[in-house]
Amino acid sequence: MTKLSIKRVYEPRARGDGTRVLVDRIWPRGLRKEELADVIWLKEIAPSTVLRRWFAHDPARWRQFCTRYRSELDAMPQTVETLRQLLHKGPVTLLYSARDTEHNQAVALRDYLLG
């Protein structure tokens, strides 16, 4: 598999980012769509609104969040395959807007794709 990385959407584009994919269901605050014109917004791969609100970026709920999110991902094989196809073409960077760099959907999604 090609290089898969994650970073906050607010960080500047880097040479090795490859295809940049926003994996948030909601557009990031403070950014205009023109600023991310080169980004693929794959909002359907983000956690459901119900799961996102339940999690509320509470690290105590992280393990259960990952389990529930994996179940959601298992239920959308075509969307996951879209992301896997991008990975076959070259490096991919998953973008997220959460402040917590360790407990967010991009981390869980990366682990799902690599696991």
PDB file of N, CA and C in Angstrom:
ATOM      1  N   MET A   1       0.840  -1.182   0.000  1.00  0.00           N
ATOM      2  CA  MET A   1       0.000   0.000   0.000  1.00  0.00           C
ATOM      3  C   MET A   1       0.888   1.250   0.000  1.00  0.00           C
ATOM      4  N   THR A   2       0.416   2.248  -0.646  1.00  0.00           N
ATOM      5  CA  THR A   2       1.129   3.513  -0.748  1.00  0.00           C
ATOM      6  C   THR A   2       1.094   4.254   0.591  1.00  0.00           C
ATOM      7  N   LYS A   3       1.871   5.275   0.694  1.00  0.00           N
ATOM      8  CA  LYS A   3       1.961   6.073   1.911  1.00  0.00           C
ATOM      9  C   LYS A   3       0.603   6.683   2.275  1.00  0.00           C
ATOM     10  N   LEU A   4       0.218   6.497   3.540  1.00  0.00           N
ATOM     11  CA  LEU A   4      -1.024   7.049   4.067  1.00  0.00           C
ATOM     12  C   LEU A   4      -0.677   7.861   5.300  1.00  0.00           C
ATOM     13  N   SER A   5      -1.001   9.145   5.277  1.00  0.00           N
ATOM     14  CA  SER A   5      -0.708   9.991   6.433  1.00  0.00           C
ATOM     15  C   SER A   5      -1.936  10.800   6.807  1.00  0.00           C
ATOM     16  N   ILE A   6      -1.852  11.444   7.953  1.00  0.00           N
ATOM     17  CA  ILE A   6      -2.946  12.284   8.417  1.00  0.00           C
ATOM     18  C   ILE A   6      -2.384  13.620   8.878  1.00  0.00           C
ATOM     19  N   LYS A   7      -3.203  14.661   8.785  1.00  0.00           N
ATOM     20  CA  LYS A   7      -2.815  15.972   9.296  1.00  0.00           C
ATOM     21  C   LYS A   7      -4.040  16.846   9.432  1.00  0.00           C
ATOM     22  N   ARG A   8      -3.906  17.877  10.249  1.00  0.00           N
ATOM     23  CA  ARG A   8      -5.000  18.837  10.393  1.00  0.00           C
ATOM     24  C   ARG A   8      -5.165  19.600   9.094  1.00  0.00           C
ATOM     25  N   VAL A   9      -6.392  19.869   8.753  1.00  0.00           N
ATOM     26  CA  VAL A   9      -6.709  20.563   7.505  1.00  0.00           C
ATOM     27  C   VAL A   9      -6.146  21.980   7.495  1.00  0.00           C
ATOM     28  N   TYR A  10      -5.853  22.520   8.658  1.00  0.00           N
ATOM     29  CA  TYR A  10      -5.331  23.883   8.770  1.00  0.00           C
ATOM     30  C   TYR A  10      -3.829  23.968   8.505  1.00  0.00           C
ATOM     31  N   GLU A  11      -3.160  22.822   8.463  1.00  0.00           N
ATOM     32  CA  GLU A  11      -1.726  22.809   8.165  1.00  0.00           C
ATOM     33  C   GLU A  11      -1.526  23.026   6.668  1.00  0.00           C
ATOM     34  N   PRO A  12      -0.443  23.703   6.288  1.00  0.00           N
ATOM     35  CA  PRO A  12      -0.218  23.947   4.855  1.00  0.00           C
ATOM     36  C   PRO A  12       0.085  22.659   4.095  1.00  0.00           C
ATOM     37  N   ARG A  13      -0.221  22.681   2.828  1.00  0.00           N
ATOM     38  CA  ARG A  13       0.069  21.553   1.945  1.00  0.00           C
ATOM     39  C   ARG A  13       1.580  21.320   1.935  1.00  0.00           C
ATOM     40  N   ALA A  14       1.977  20.060   1.946  1.00  0.00           N
ATOM     41  CA  ALA A  14       3.395  19.696   1.874  1.00  0.00           C
ATOM     42  C   ALA A  14       3.632  18.920   0.585  1.00  0.00           C
ATOM     43  N   ARG A  15       4.851  18.917   0.139  1.00  0.00           N
ATOM     44  CA  ARG A  15       5.201  18.267  -1.124  1.00  0.00           C
ATOM     45  C   ARG A  15       4.801  16.792  -1.159  1.00  0.00           C
ATOM     46  N   GLY A  16       4.967  16.089  -0.071  1.00  0.00           N
ATOM     47  CA  GLY A  16       4.691  14.653  -0.043  1.00  0.00           C
ATOM     48  C   GLY A  16       3.271  14.262   0.315  1.00  0.00           C
ATOM     49  N   ASP A  17       2.353  15.237   0.409  1.00  0.00           N
ATOM     50  CA  ASP A  17       0.975  14.933   0.804  1.00  0.00           C
ATOM     51  C   ASP A  17       0.250  14.027  -0.187  1.00  0.00           C
ATOM     52  N   GLY A  18       0.558  14.158  -1.445  1.00  0.00           N
ATOM     53  CA  GLY A  18      -0.178  13.384  -2.448  1.00  0.00           C
ATOM     54  C   GLY A  18      -1.611  13.869  -2.544  1.00  0.00           C
ATOM     55  N   THR A  19      -2.537  12.939  -2.726  1.00  0.00           N
ATOM     56  CA  THR A  19      -3.959  13.281  -2.783  1.00  0.00           C
ATOM     57  C   THR A  19      -4.432  13.598  -1.381  1.00  0.00           C
ATOM     58  N   ARG A  20      -5.025  14.769  -1.235  1.00  0.00           N
ATOM     59  CA  ARG A  20      -5.516  15.187   0.083  1.00  0.00           C
ATOM     60  C   ARG A  20      -7.020  14.968   0.139  1.00  0.00           C
ATOM     61  N   VAL A  21      -7.453  14.259   1.210  1.00  0.00           N
ATOM     62  CA  VAL A  21      -8.851  13.877   1.345  1.00  0.00           C
ATOM     63  C   VAL A  21      -9.375  14.354   2.697  1.00  0.00           C
ATOM     64  N   LEU A  22     -10.358  15.232   2.665  1.00  0.00           N
ATOM     65  CA  LEU A  22     -11.004  15.712   3.884  1.00  0.00           C
ATOM     66  C   LEU A  22     -12.010  14.657   4.328  1.00  0.00           C
ATOM     67  N   VAL A  23     -11.873  14.181   5.575  1.00  0.00           N
ATOM     68  CA  VAL A  23     -12.730  13.105   6.074  1.00  0.00           C
ATOM     69  C   VAL A  23     -13.644  13.582   7.206  1.00  0.00           C
ATOM     70  N   ASP A  24     -13.997  14.857   7.177  1.00  0.00           N
ATOM     71  CA  ASP A  24     -14.959  15.436   8.119  1.00  0.00           C
ATOM     72  C   ASP A  24     -16.332  15.489   7.461  1.00  0.00           C
ATOM     73  N   ARG A  25     -17.375  15.312   8.242  1.00  0.00           N
ATOM     74  CA  ARG A  25     -18.735  15.416   7.722  1.00  0.00           C
ATOM     75  C   ARG A  25     -19.149  16.880   7.587  1.00  0.00           C
ATOM     76  N   ILE A  26     -18.556  17.739   8.409  1.00  0.00           N
ATOM     77  CA  ILE A  26     -18.882  19.159   8.405  1.00  0.00           C
ATOM     78  C   ILE A  26     -17.674  19.934   7.878  1.00  0.00           C
ATOM     79  N   TRP A  27     -17.927  20.957   7.062  1.00  0.00           N
ATOM     80  CA  TRP A  27     -16.839  21.768   6.511  1.00  0.00           C
ATOM     81  C   TRP A  27     -16.079  22.443   7.642  1.00  0.00           C
ATOM     82  N   PRO A  28     -14.740  22.475   7.584  1.00  0.00           N
ATOM     83  CA  PRO A  28     -13.923  23.060   8.660  1.00  0.00           C
ATOM     84  C   PRO A  28     -14.184  24.555   8.841  1.00  0.00           C
ATOM     85  N   ARG A  29     -14.274  24.948  10.084  1.00  0.00           N
ATOM     86  CA  ARG A  29     -14.510  26.350  10.416  1.00  0.00           C
ATOM     87  C   ARG A  29     -13.363  27.228   9.944  1.00  0.00           C
ATOM     88  N   GLY A  30     -13.741  28.384   9.446  1.00  0.00           N
ATOM     89  CA  GLY A  30     -12.747  29.383   9.083  1.00  0.00           C
ATOM     90  C   GLY A  30     -12.081  29.170   7.735  1.00  0.00           C
ATOM     91  N   LEU A  31     -12.438  28.131   7.004  1.00  0.00           N
ATOM     92  CA  LEU A  31     -11.828  27.881   5.701  1.00  0.00           C
ATOM     93  C   LEU A  31     -12.865  28.049   4.594  1.00  0.00           C
ATOM     94  N   ARG A  32     -12.462  28.740   3.548  1.00  0.00           N
ATOM     95  CA  ARG A  32     -13.325  28.873   2.372  1.00  0.00           C
ATOM     96  C   ARG A  32     -13.072  27.681   1.451  1.00  0.00           C
ATOM     97  N   LYS A  33     -14.077  27.308   0.715  1.00  0.00           N
ATOM     98  CA  LYS A  33     -13.928  26.159  -0.202  1.00  0.00           C
ATOM     99  C   LYS A  33     -12.813  26.403  -1.210  1.00  0.00           C
ATOM    100  N   GLU A  34     -12.597  27.649  -1.597  1.00  0.00           N
ATOM    101  CA  GLU A  34     -11.533  27.956  -2.549  1.00  0.00           C
ATOM    102  C   GLU A  34     -10.150  27.615  -1.981  1.00  0.00           C
ATOM    103  N   GLU A  35     -10.006  27.722  -0.665  1.00  0.00           N
ATOM    104  CA  GLU A  35      -8.723  27.426  -0.026  1.00  0.00           C
ATOM    105  C   GLU A  35      -8.378  25.934  -0.104  1.00  0.00           C
ATOM    106  N   LEU A  36      -9.388  25.118  -0.276  1.00  0.00           N
ATOM    107  CA  LEU A  36      -9.179  23.670  -0.343  1.00  0.00           C
ATOM    108  C   LEU A  36      -9.635  23.123  -1.685  1.00  0.00           C
ATOM    109  N   ALA A  37      -9.440  23.902  -2.714  1.00  0.00           N
ATOM    110  CA  ALA A  37      -9.897  23.514  -4.058  1.00  0.00           C
ATOM    111  C   ALA A  37      -9.250  22.220  -4.543  1.00  0.00           C
ATOM    112  N   ASP A  38      -8.054  21.913  -4.056  1.00  0.00           N
ATOM    113  CA  ASP A  38      -7.350  20.705  -4.489  1.00  0.00           C
ATOM    114  C   ASP A  38      -7.686  19.477  -3.633  1.00  0.00           C
ATOM    115  N   VAL A  39      -8.590  19.638  -2.676  1.00  0.00           N
ATOM    116  CA  VAL A  39      -8.905  18.582  -1.724  1.00  0.00           C
ATOM    117  C   VAL A  39     -10.177  17.844  -2.153  1.00  0.00           C
ATOM    118  N   ILE A  40     -10.159  16.523  -2.001  1.00  0.00           N
ATOM    119  CA  ILE A  40     -11.358  15.713  -2.214  1.00  0.00           C
ATOM    120  C   ILE A  40     -12.097  15.651  -0.877  1.00  0.00           C
ATOM    121  N   TRP A  41     -13.350  16.086  -0.868  1.00  0.00           N
ATOM    122  CA  TRP A  41     -14.137  16.041   0.361  1.00  0.00           C
ATOM    123  C   TRP A  41     -14.971  14.773   0.336  1.00  0.00           C
ATOM    124  N   LEU A  42     -14.550  13.778   1.111  1.00  0.00           N
ATOM    125  CA  LEU A  42     -15.228  12.487   1.165  1.00  0.00           C
ATOM    126  C   LEU A  42     -16.037  12.420   2.467  1.00  0.00           C
ATOM    127  N   LYS A  43     -17.026  13.309   2.567  1.00  0.00           N
ATOM    128  CA  LYS A  43     -17.765  13.436   3.824  1.00  0.00           C
ATOM    129  C   LYS A  43     -18.550  12.187   4.192  1.00  0.00           C
ATOM    130  N   GLU A  44     -18.918  11.375   3.190  1.00  0.00           N
ATOM    131  CA  GLU A  44     -19.692  10.171   3.499  1.00  0.00           C
ATOM    132  C   GLU A  44     -18.878   9.125   4.250  1.00  0.00           C
ATOM    133  N   ILE A  45     -17.546   9.256   4.264  1.00  0.00           N
ATOM    134  CA  ILE A  45     -16.725   8.288   5.005  1.00  0.00           C
ATOM    135  C   ILE A  45     -16.538   8.719   6.464  1.00  0.00           C
ATOM    136  N   ALA A  46     -16.952   9.919   6.780  1.00  0.00           N
ATOM    137  CA  ALA A  46     -16.852  10.420   8.152  1.00  0.00           C
ATOM    138  C   ALA A  46     -17.845   9.679   9.052  1.00  0.00           C
ATOM    139  N   PRO A  47     -17.600   9.688  10.354  1.00  0.00           N
ATOM    140  CA  PRO A  47     -18.556   9.065  11.275  1.00  0.00           C
ATOM    141  C   PRO A  47     -19.933   9.710  11.133  1.00  0.00           C
ATOM    142  N   SER A  48     -20.956   8.941  11.385  1.00  0.00           N
ATOM    143  CA  SER A  48     -22.315   9.477  11.327  1.00  0.00           C
ATOM    144  C   SER A  48     -22.461  10.615  12.335  1.00  0.00           C
ATOM    145  N   THR A  49     -23.447  11.449  12.103  1.00  0.00           N
ATOM    146  CA  THR A  49     -23.704  12.564  13.018  1.00  0.00           C
ATOM    147  C   THR A  49     -23.990  12.051  14.420  1.00  0.00           C
ATOM    148  N   VAL A  50     -24.756  10.974  14.525  1.00  0.00           N
ATOM    149  CA  VAL A  50     -25.074  10.394  15.834  1.00  0.00           C
ATOM    150  C   VAL A  50     -23.794   9.953  16.549  1.00  0.00           C
ATOM    151  N   LEU A  51     -22.914   9.250  15.841  1.00  0.00           N
ATOM    152  CA  LEU A  51     -21.665   8.783  16.446  1.00  0.00           C
ATOM    153  C   LEU A  51     -20.752   9.954  16.799  1.00  0.00           C
ATOM    154  N   ARG A  52     -20.649  10.911  15.914  1.00  0.00           N
ATOM    155  CA  ARG A  52     -19.796  12.079  16.160  1.00  0.00           C
ATOM    156  C   ARG A  52     -20.255  12.833  17.407  1.00  0.00           C
ATOM    157  N   ARG A  53     -21.554  13.038  17.527  1.00  0.00           N
ATOM    158  CA  ARG A  53     -22.075  13.763  18.707  1.00  0.00           C
ATOM    159  C   ARG A  53     -21.891  12.948  19.978  1.00  0.00           C
ATOM    160  N   TRP A  54     -22.096  11.640  19.902  1.00  0.00           N
ATOM    161  CA  TRP A  54     -21.895  10.788  21.076  1.00  0.00           C
ATOM    162  C   TRP A  54     -20.442  10.846  21.540  1.00  0.00           C
ATOM    163  N   PHE A  55     -19.517  10.740  20.602  1.00  0.00           N
ATOM    164  CA  PHE A  55     -18.086  10.747  20.925  1.00  0.00           C
ATOM    165  C   PHE A  55     -17.668  12.081  21.536  1.00  0.00           C
ATOM    166  N   ALA A  56     -18.052  13.179  20.909  1.00  0.00           N
ATOM    167  CA  ALA A  56     -17.756  14.530  21.405  1.00  0.00           C
ATOM    168  C   ALA A  56     -16.273  14.724  21.747  1.00  0.00           C
ATOM    169  N   HIS A  57     -15.398  14.013  21.046  1.00  0.00           N
ATOM    170  CA  HIS A  57     -13.942  14.087  21.252  1.00  0.00           C
ATOM    171  C   HIS A  57     -13.536  13.845  22.705  1.00  0.00           C
ATOM    172  N   ASP A  58     -14.259  12.931  23.352  1.00  0.00           N
ATOM    173  CA  ASP A  58     -13.955  12.541  24.727  1.00  0.00           C
ATOM    174  C   ASP A  58     -12.995  11.352  24.681  1.00  0.00           C
ATOM    175  N   PRO A  59     -11.725  11.559  25.081  1.00  0.00           N
ATOM    176  CA  PRO A  59     -10.750  10.456  25.023  1.00  0.00           C
ATOM    177  C   PRO A  59     -11.193   9.205  25.785  1.00  0.00           C
ATOM    178  N   ALA A  60     -12.026   9.368  26.792  1.00  0.00           N
ATOM    179  CA  ALA A  60     -12.518   8.208  27.541  1.00  0.00           C
ATOM    180  C   ALA A  60     -13.413   7.319  26.673  1.00  0.00           C
ATOM    181  N   ARG A  61     -13.982   7.873  25.620  1.00  0.00           N
ATOM    182  CA  ARG A  61     -14.862   7.114  24.732  1.00  0.00           C
ATOM    183  C   ARG A  61     -14.139   6.637  23.471  1.00  0.00           C
ATOM    184  N   TRP A  62     -12.839   6.865  23.388  1.00  0.00           N
ATOM    185  CA  TRP A  62     -12.082   6.587  22.172  1.00  0.00           C
ATOM    186  C   TRP A  62     -12.204   5.144  21.691  1.00  0.00           C
ATOM    187  N   ARG A  63     -11.965   4.180  22.553  1.00  0.00           N
ATOM    188  CA  ARG A  63     -11.987   2.772  22.126  1.00  0.00           C
ATOM    189  C   ARG A  63     -13.368   2.369  21.605  1.00  0.00           C
ATOM    190  N   GLN A  64     -14.400   2.792  22.323  1.00  0.00           N
ATOM    191  CA  GLN A  64     -15.760   2.472  21.886  1.00  0.00           C
ATOM    192  C   GLN A  64     -16.089   3.202  20.587  1.00  0.00           C
ATOM    193  N   PHE A  65     -15.610   4.433  20.448  1.00  0.00           N
ATOM    194  CA  PHE A  65     -15.794   5.182  19.201  1.00  0.00           C
ATOM    195  C   PHE A  65     -15.185   4.415  18.028  1.00  0.00           C
ATOM    196  N   CYS A  66     -13.953   3.948  18.198  1.00  0.00           N
ATOM    197  CA  CYS A  66     -13.276   3.208  17.121  1.00  0.00           C
ATOM    198  C   CYS A  66     -14.062   1.962  16.731  1.00  0.00           C
ATOM    199  N   THR A  67     -14.573   1.239  17.713  1.00  0.00           N
ATOM    200  CA  THR A  67     -15.355   0.038  17.439  1.00  0.00           C
ATOM    201  C   THR A  67     -16.614   0.386  16.653  1.00  0.00           C
ATOM    202  N   ARG A  68     -17.309   1.414  17.082  1.00  0.00           N
ATOM    203  CA  ARG A  68     -18.548   1.815  16.399  1.00  0.00           C
ATOM    204  C   ARG A  68     -18.253   2.367  14.998  1.00  0.00           C
ATOM    205  N   TYR A  69     -17.178   3.119  14.887  1.00  0.00           N
ATOM    206  CA  TYR A  69     -16.831   3.688  13.581  1.00  0.00           C
ATOM    207  C   TYR A  69     -16.440   2.580  12.602  1.00  0.00           C
ATOM    208  N   ARG A  70     -15.694   1.569  13.079  1.00  0.00           N
ATOM    209  CA  ARG A  70     -15.342   0.438  12.226  1.00  0.00           C
ATOM    210  C   ARG A  70     -16.601  -0.255  11.700  1.00  0.00           C
ATOM    211  N   SER A  71     -17.602  -0.384  12.543  1.00  0.00           N
ATOM    212  CA  SER A  71     -18.863  -0.988  12.105  1.00  0.00           C
ATOM    213  C   SER A  71     -19.513  -0.146  11.010  1.00  0.00           C
ATOM    214  N   GLU A  72     -19.470   1.170  11.170  1.00  0.00           N
ATOM    215  CA  GLU A  72     -20.019   2.043  10.125  1.00  0.00           C
ATOM    216  C   GLU A  72     -19.229   1.889   8.826  1.00  0.00           C
ATOM    217  N   LEU A  73     -17.910   1.817   8.937  1.00  0.00           N
ATOM    218  CA  LEU A  73     -17.072   1.664   7.742  1.00  0.00           C
ATOM    219  C   LEU A  73     -17.333   0.321   7.054  1.00  0.00           C
ATOM    220  N   ASP A  74     -17.507  -0.723   7.850  1.00  0.00           N
ATOM    221  CA  ASP A  74     -17.816  -2.044   7.280  1.00  0.00           C
ATOM    222  C   ASP A  74     -19.121  -2.015   6.481  1.00  0.00           C
ATOM    223  N   ALA A  75     -20.023  -1.134   6.868  1.00  0.00           N
ATOM    224  CA  ALA A  75     -21.325  -1.046   6.210  1.00  0.00           C
ATOM    225  C   ALA A  75     -21.302  -0.191   4.940  1.00  0.00           C
ATOM    226  N   MET A  76     -20.141   0.398   4.618  1.00  0.00           N
ATOM    227  CA  MET A  76     -20.040   1.221   3.401  1.00  0.00           C
ATOM    228  C   MET A  76     -18.835   0.818   2.559  1.00  0.00           C
ATOM    229  N   PRO A  77     -18.825  -0.423   2.075  1.00  0.00           N
ATOM    230  CA  PRO A  77     -17.653  -0.915   1.349  1.00  0.00           C
ATOM    231  C   PRO A  77     -17.312  -0.119   0.094  1.00  0.00           C
ATOM    232  N   GLN A  78     -18.300   0.409  -0.600  1.00  0.00           N
ATOM    233  CA  GLN A  78     -18.008   1.163  -1.823  1.00  0.00           C
ATOM    234  C   GLN A  78     -17.262   2.457  -1.518  1.00  0.00           C
ATOM    235  N   THR A  79     -17.638   3.130  -0.450  1.00  0.00           N
ATOM    236  CA  THR A  79     -16.961   4.370  -0.073  1.00  0.00           C
ATOM    237  C   THR A  79     -15.534   4.089   0.378  1.00  0.00           C
ATOM    238  N   VAL A  80     -15.353   3.031   1.163  1.00  0.00           N
ATOM    239  CA  VAL A  80     -14.009   2.640   1.595  1.00  0.00           C
ATOM    240  C   VAL A  80     -13.173   2.260   0.376  1.00  0.00           C
ATOM    241  N   GLU A  81     -13.775   1.586  -0.576  1.00  0.00           N
ATOM    242  CA  GLU A  81     -13.053   1.192  -1.792  1.00  0.00           C
ATOM    243  C   GLU A  81     -12.606   2.417  -2.585  1.00  0.00           C
ATOM    244  N   THR A  82     -13.409   3.465  -2.600  1.00  0.00           N
ATOM    245  CA  THR A  82     -13.007   4.717  -3.261  1.00  0.00           C
ATOM    246  C   THR A  82     -11.698   5.213  -2.674  1.00  0.00           C
ATOM    247  N   LEU A  83     -11.588   5.183  -1.372  1.00  0.00           N
ATOM    248  CA  LEU A  83     -10.360   5.623  -0.703  1.00  0.00           C
ATOM    249  C   LEU A  83      -9.208   4.663  -0.993  1.00  0.00           C
ATOM    250  N   ARG A  84      -9.467   3.379  -0.990  1.00  0.00           N
ATOM    251  CA  ARG A  84      -8.418   2.392  -1.301  1.00  0.00           C
ATOM    252  C   ARG A  84      -7.888   2.570  -2.730  1.00  0.00           C
ATOM    253  N   GLN A  85      -8.766   2.909  -3.656  1.00  0.00           N
ATOM    254  CA  GLN A  85      -8.344   3.157  -5.035  1.00  0.00           C
ATOM    255  C   GLN A  85      -7.406   4.361  -5.104  1.00  0.00           C
ATOM    256  N   LEU A  86      -7.693   5.387  -4.346  1.00  0.00           N
ATOM    257  CA  LEU A  86      -6.796   6.552  -4.301  1.00  0.00           C
ATOM    258  C   LEU A  86      -5.423   6.139  -3.772  1.00  0.00           C
ATOM    259  N   LEU A  87      -5.413   5.251  -2.778  1.00  0.00           N
ATOM    260  CA  LEU A  87      -4.152   4.775  -2.205  1.00  0.00           C
ATOM    261  C   LEU A  87      -3.329   3.978  -3.215  1.00  0.00           C
ATOM    262  N   HIS A  88      -3.995   3.274  -4.104  1.00  0.00           N
ATOM    263  CA  HIS A  88      -3.278   2.504  -5.126  1.00  0.00           C
ATOM    264  C   HIS A  88      -2.617   3.422  -6.143  1.00  0.00           C
ATOM    265  N   LYS A  89      -3.120   4.641  -6.275  1.00  0.00           N
ATOM    266  CA  LYS A  89      -2.579   5.586  -7.252  1.00  0.00           C
ATOM    267  C   LYS A  89      -1.387   6.377  -6.722  1.00  0.00           C
ATOM    268  N   GLY A  90      -1.242   6.466  -5.398  1.00  0.00           N
ATOM    269  CA  GLY A  90      -0.135   7.237  -4.837  1.00  0.00           C
ATOM    270  C   GLY A  90      -0.415   7.638  -3.401  1.00  0.00           C
ATOM    271  N   PRO A  91       0.457   8.487  -2.825  1.00  0.00           N
ATOM    272  CA  PRO A  91       0.292   8.908  -1.435  1.00  0.00           C
ATOM    273  C   PRO A  91      -1.046   9.606  -1.200  1.00  0.00           C
ATOM    274  N   VAL A  92      -1.603   9.390  -0.005  1.00  0.00           N
ATOM    275  CA  VAL A  92      -2.859  10.012   0.397  1.00  0.00           C
ATOM    276  C   VAL A  92      -2.676  10.598   1.785  1.00  0.00           C
ATOM    277  N   THR A  93      -3.191  11.798   1.982  1.00  0.00           N
ATOM    278  CA  THR A  93      -3.203  12.422   3.300  1.00  0.00           C
ATOM    279  C   THR A  93      -4.652  12.650   3.701  1.00  0.00           C
ATOM    280  N   LEU A  94      -5.035  12.061   4.833  1.00  0.00           N
ATOM    281  CA  LEU A  94      -6.372  12.251   5.377  1.00  0.00           C
ATOM    282  C   LEU A  94      -6.374  13.535   6.195  1.00  0.00           C
ATOM    283  N   LEU A  95      -7.278  14.431   5.892  1.00  0.00           N
ATOM    284  CA  LEU A  95      -7.365  15.717   6.582  1.00  0.00           C
ATOM    285  C   LEU A  95      -8.548  15.732   7.533  1.00  0.00           C
ATOM    286  N   TYR A  96      -8.334  16.322   8.703  1.00  0.00           N
ATOM    287  CA  TYR A  96      -9.384  16.440   9.716  1.00  0.00           C
ATOM    288  C   TYR A  96      -9.261  17.814  10.367  1.00  0.00           C
ATOM    289  N   SER A  97     -10.320  18.256  11.032  1.00  0.00           N
ATOM    290  CA  SER A  97     -10.275  19.587  11.641  1.00  0.00           C
ATOM    291  C   SER A  97     -10.215  19.565  13.162  1.00  0.00           C
ATOM    292  N   ALA A  98     -10.389  18.429  13.785  1.00  0.00           N
ATOM    293  CA  ALA A  98     -10.401  18.340  15.247  1.00  0.00           C
ATOM    294  C   ALA A  98      -9.088  18.844  15.849  1.00  0.00           C
ATOM    295  N   ARG A  99      -9.185  19.417  17.029  1.00  0.00           N
ATOM    296  CA  ARG A  99      -7.984  19.893  17.728  1.00  0.00           C
ATOM    297  C   ARG A  99      -7.157  18.744  18.289  1.00  0.00           C
ATOM    298  N   ASP A 100      -7.844  17.686  18.716  1.00  0.00           N
ATOM    299  CA  ASP A 100      -7.176  16.518  19.301  1.00  0.00           C
ATOM    300  C   ASP A 100      -6.523  15.717  18.175  1.00  0.00           C
ATOM    301  N   THR A 101      -5.202  15.668  18.199  1.00  0.00           N
ATOM    302  CA  THR A 101      -4.468  14.993  17.121  1.00  0.00           C
ATOM    303  C   THR A 101      -4.377  13.480  17.306  1.00  0.00           C
ATOM    304  N   GLU A 102      -4.776  12.970  18.468  1.00  0.00           N
ATOM    305  CA  GLU A 102      -4.678  11.540  18.746  1.00  0.00           C
ATOM    306  C   GLU A 102      -6.016  10.818  18.722  1.00  0.00           C
ATOM    307  N   HIS A 103      -7.091  11.551  18.984  1.00  0.00           N
ATOM    308  CA  HIS A 103      -8.418  10.948  19.085  1.00  0.00           C
ATOM    309  C   HIS A 103      -9.371  11.631  18.106  1.00  0.00           C
ATOM    310  N   ASN A 104      -9.301  11.229  16.853  1.00  0.00           N
ATOM    311  CA  ASN A 104     -10.180  11.792  15.833  1.00  0.00           C
ATOM    312  C   ASN A 104     -10.426  10.745  14.754  1.00  0.00           C
ATOM    313  N   GLN A 105     -11.395  11.019  13.889  1.00  0.00           N
ATOM    314  CA  GLN A 105     -11.792  10.026  12.894  1.00  0.00           C
ATOM    315  C   GLN A 105     -10.698   9.711  11.887  1.00  0.00           C
ATOM    316  N   ALA A 106      -9.813  10.643  11.600  1.00  0.00           N
ATOM    317  CA  ALA A 106      -8.735  10.359  10.644  1.00  0.00           C
ATOM    318  C   ALA A 106      -7.782   9.305  11.204  1.00  0.00           C
ATOM    319  N   VAL A 107      -7.490   9.381  12.490  1.00  0.00           N
ATOM    320  CA  VAL A 107      -6.643   8.372  13.135  1.00  0.00           C
ATOM    321  C   VAL A 107      -7.333   7.009  13.071  1.00  0.00           C
ATOM    322  N   ALA A 108      -8.611   6.981  13.424  1.00  0.00           N
ATOM    323  CA  ALA A 108      -9.362   5.720  13.400  1.00  0.00           C
ATOM    324  C   ALA A 108      -9.471   5.166  11.977  1.00  0.00           C
ATOM    325  N   LEU A 109      -9.674   6.045  10.997  1.00  0.00           N
ATOM    326  CA  LEU A 109      -9.800   5.614   9.618  1.00  0.00           C
ATOM    327  C   LEU A 109      -8.467   5.091   9.091  1.00  0.00           C
ATOM    328  N   ARG A 110      -7.378   5.769   9.403  1.00  0.00           N
ATOM    329  CA  ARG A 110      -6.041   5.281   9.007  1.00  0.00           C
ATOM    330  C   ARG A 110      -5.800   3.885   9.575  1.00  0.00           C
ATOM    331  N   ASP A 111      -6.091   3.697  10.851  1.00  0.00           N
ATOM    332  CA  ASP A 111      -5.886   2.394  11.486  1.00  0.00           C
ATOM    333  C   ASP A 111      -6.764   1.327  10.834  1.00  0.00           C
ATOM    334  N   TYR A 112      -7.973   1.692  10.474  1.00  0.00           N
ATOM    335  CA  TYR A 112      -8.893   0.760   9.798  1.00  0.00           C
ATOM    336  C   TYR A 112      -8.310   0.355   8.434  1.00  0.00           C
ATOM    337  N   LEU A 113      -7.835   1.318   7.682  1.00  0.00           N
ATOM    338  CA  LEU A 113      -7.307   1.025   6.355  1.00  0.00           C
ATOM    339  C   LEU A 113      -6.013   0.214   6.402  1.00  0.00           C
ATOM    340  N   LEU A 114      -5.201   0.457   7.422  1.00  0.00           N
ATOM    341  CA  LEU A 114      -3.932  -0.256   7.534  1.00  0.00           C
ATOM    342  C   LEU A 114      -4.082  -1.605   8.236  1.00  0.00           C
ATOM    343  N   GLY A 115      -5.183  -1.759   8.968  1.00  0.00           N
ATOM    344  CA  GLY A 115      -5.386  -2.989   9.742  1.00  0.00           C
ATOM    345  C   GLY A 115      -6.053  -4.028   8.961  1.00  0.00           C
TER     346      GLY A 115
END
